[in-house]
Amino acid sequence: MKKQVYNVNLNLNYIFIAIIFIVYEILSSIFIYLPIFYGVFFCYMFFLLEQRERTLYDLDFRWYFCLFFLFFTDVTHNFFIFSSWIAFFIFYYFFAYWIKTNLKIEKFIPITFVLCAYGFIYVIDLIFSYILKSDLKVFGVEYFYSLVIESLIAYILFRNKI
């Protein structure tokens, strides 16, 4: 049986958007009040995995760019490498569908996903800090601003898609 592949052409739009996100992430490591976009990418990755389950197509460039973006964000913002990947997969396999099925107000699911993204990444980072006996990372007020802005962005982009 031949495996179907969802054909999304890798055109200049994807490359241009990817470059914009990479430059933005570099700027967000310099200007601390710019949101990091962990939560928005968690929502988008959940959306892509749901789309894959509905259509039975393979994941494409968008999925792999999201993984690269999370890795790049870990590096530029001094989190432990792959902590966001671990946080996403724990979130996806153990909590995402429970939240989606049990949250009564469906419009707030993207906001809940953003809060979970930051919470899980913080807990994973604390665990790695404890294991490696390094300094604990404390979230400052700039992460609160990121949470608020990302929650608003995720609500606008994903309120009827997740």
Protein backbone atom coordinates (compact mmCIF):
# COMPACT_ATOMS: atom_id res chain seq x y z
CA MET A 1 0.00 0.00 0.00
CA LYS A 2 1.47 3.30 -1.09
CA LYS A 3 1.87 5.94 1.62
CA GLN A 4 0.23 9.25 0.87
CA VAL A 5 2.23 12.42 1.23
CA TYR A 6 0.61 15.77 1.73
CA ASN A 7 2.24 17.94 -0.89
CA VAL A 8 2.87 21.44 0.37
CA ASN A 9 5.16 23.18 -2.02
CA LEU A 10 8.19 24.63 -0.34
CA ASN A 11 7.83 28.03 -1.93
CA LEU A 12 9.43 31.32 -1.09
CA ASN A 13 6.62 32.22 1.33
CA TYR A 14 7.64 29.46 3.75
CA ILE A 15 11.30 30.39 3.50
CA PHE A 16 10.53 34.09 3.99
CA ILE A 17 8.32 33.41 7.03
CA ALA A 18 10.97 31.09 8.49
CA ILE A 19 13.64 33.77 8.12
CA ILE A 20 11.35 36.35 9.74
CA PHE A 21 10.74 34.05 12.73
CA ILE A 22 14.45 33.34 13.15
CA VAL A 23 15.34 37.04 13.04
CA TYR A 24 12.47 37.78 15.42
CA GLU A 25 13.70 35.15 17.86
CA ILE A 26 17.18 36.66 17.83
CA LEU A 27 15.63 40.07 18.52
CA SER A 28 13.52 38.61 21.34
CA SER A 29 16.67 37.40 23.04
CA ILE A 30 18.00 40.97 22.93
CA PHE A 31 14.77 42.81 23.78
CA ILE A 32 13.37 40.89 26.72
CA TYR A 33 9.79 42.16 26.45
CA LEU A 34 9.19 40.58 23.05
CA PRO A 35 7.25 37.31 23.43
CA ILE A 36 9.15 34.09 22.84
CA PHE A 37 6.27 32.30 21.03
CA TYR A 38 6.58 28.97 22.84
CA GLY A 39 2.83 28.83 23.38
CA VAL A 40 1.86 29.84 19.85
CA PHE A 41 4.13 27.16 18.43
CA PHE A 42 2.71 24.58 20.85
CA CYS A 43 -0.76 25.43 19.53
CA TYR A 44 0.43 25.28 15.93
CA MET A 45 2.19 21.95 16.44
CA PHE A 46 -0.94 20.52 18.06
CA PHE A 47 -2.95 21.81 15.08
CA LEU A 48 -0.52 20.16 12.64
CA LEU A 49 -0.70 16.83 14.47
CA GLU A 50 -4.49 16.96 14.49
CA GLN A 51 -4.45 17.77 10.79
CA ARG A 52 -2.19 14.77 10.19
CA GLU A 53 -4.61 12.50 12.05
CA ARG A 54 -7.60 13.77 10.07
CA THR A 55 -5.97 13.58 6.65
CA LEU A 56 -3.52 10.69 7.22
CA TYR A 57 -0.80 12.62 5.42
CA ASP A 58 2.79 12.83 6.57
CA LEU A 59 4.11 15.87 8.37
CA ASP A 60 5.79 18.41 6.14
CA PHE A 61 8.18 21.36 6.32
CA ARG A 62 5.96 23.26 8.73
CA TRP A 63 6.32 20.56 11.42
CA TYR A 64 10.06 20.32 11.07
CA PHE A 65 10.43 24.08 11.11
CA CYS A 66 8.42 24.19 14.37
CA LEU A 67 10.82 21.67 15.91
CA PHE A 68 13.79 23.71 14.70
CA PHE A 69 12.21 26.90 16.03
CA LEU A 70 11.69 25.40 19.49
CA PHE A 71 15.29 24.17 19.49
CA PHE A 72 16.53 27.59 18.37
CA THR A 73 14.43 29.27 21.06
CA ASP A 74 15.91 26.98 23.71
CA VAL A 75 19.39 27.97 22.60
CA THR A 76 18.80 31.71 22.26
CA HIS A 77 16.93 32.07 25.56
CA ASN A 78 19.29 29.93 27.61
CA PHE A 79 16.92 27.06 28.33
CA PHE A 80 18.21 23.52 28.38
CA ILE A 81 18.47 22.11 24.88
CA PHE A 82 15.44 20.05 23.87
CA SER A 83 13.52 21.01 27.01
CA SER A 84 10.76 22.47 24.84
CA TRP A 85 10.59 19.27 22.76
CA ILE A 86 10.29 17.14 25.87
CA ALA A 87 7.70 19.53 27.30
CA PHE A 88 5.66 19.46 24.09
CA PHE A 89 5.60 15.70 23.79
CA ILE A 90 4.68 15.24 27.47
CA PHE A 91 1.98 17.87 27.02
CA TYR A 92 0.69 16.34 23.77
CA TYR A 93 0.58 12.72 24.84
CA PHE A 94 -0.68 13.18 28.40
CA PHE A 95 -2.59 16.45 28.69
CA ALA A 96 -3.66 18.01 25.37
CA TYR A 97 -6.62 15.79 24.59
CA TRP A 98 -7.73 15.77 28.20
CA ILE A 99 -7.78 19.59 28.14
CA LYS A 100 -9.52 19.61 24.78
CA THR A 101 -12.27 17.24 25.86
CA ASN A 102 -12.81 18.52 29.40
CA LEU A 103 -12.55 22.29 29.03
CA LYS A 104 -16.11 23.53 28.78
CA ILE A 105 -15.37 26.83 27.04
CA GLU A 106 -13.72 25.76 23.80
CA LYS A 107 -12.61 29.26 22.86
CA PHE A 108 -10.16 29.26 25.78
CA ILE A 109 -8.35 26.06 24.74
CA PRO A 110 -5.56 27.98 22.92
CA ILE A 111 -5.02 30.16 26.00
CA THR A 112 -4.82 27.06 28.17
CA PHE A 113 -2.31 25.53 25.74
CA VAL A 114 -0.12 28.64 26.00
CA LEU A 115 -0.20 28.53 29.79
CA CYS A 116 0.63 24.82 29.72
CA ALA A 117 3.50 25.43 27.30
CA TYR A 118 5.23 27.84 29.63
CA GLY A 119 4.40 25.75 32.68
CA PHE A 120 5.75 22.52 31.22
CA ILE A 121 8.89 24.13 29.84
CA TYR A 122 9.55 25.75 33.20
CA VAL A 123 9.08 22.46 35.08
CA ILE A 124 11.32 20.56 32.63
CA ASP A 125 13.95 23.30 32.97
CA LEU A 126 13.74 23.07 36.77
CA ILE A 127 14.17 19.30 36.64
CA PHE A 128 17.24 19.62 34.41
CA SER A 129 18.64 22.33 36.68
CA TYR A 130 18.18 20.08 39.69
CA ILE A 131 19.74 17.06 37.99
CA LEU A 132 22.75 19.02 36.74
CA LYS A 133 23.01 21.03 39.98
CA SER A 134 22.99 24.33 38.14
CA ASP A 135 21.28 27.61 38.99
CA LEU A 136 17.52 27.56 38.88
CA LYS A 137 15.97 29.76 36.24
CA VAL A 138 13.37 32.11 37.68
CA PHE A 139 10.71 33.47 35.36
CA GLY A 140 10.61 37.24 35.56
CA VAL A 141 7.92 39.73 34.69
CA GLU A 142 8.92 39.58 31.00
CA TYR A 143 7.57 36.02 30.83
CA PHE A 144 4.26 37.23 32.23
CA TYR A 145 4.08 39.75 29.37
CA SER A 146 4.92 36.95 26.94
CA LEU A 147 2.11 34.84 28.39
CA VAL A 148 -0.44 37.62 28.00
CA ILE A 149 0.60 38.57 24.46
CA GLU A 150 0.92 34.96 23.30
CA SER A 151 -2.43 34.07 24.84
CA LEU A 152 -4.04 36.86 22.86
CA ILE A 153 -2.27 35.83 19.63
CA ALA A 154 -3.15 32.15 20.14
CA TYR A 155 -6.76 33.05 20.88
CA ILE A 156 -7.00 35.04 17.66
CA LEU A 157 -5.24 32.46 15.48
CA PHE A 158 -6.49 29.16 16.92
CA ARG A 159 -9.85 29.77 18.63
CA ASN A 160 -11.83 27.73 16.10
CA LYS A 161 -9.04 25.47 14.87
CA ILE A 162 -8.07 23.51 17.96
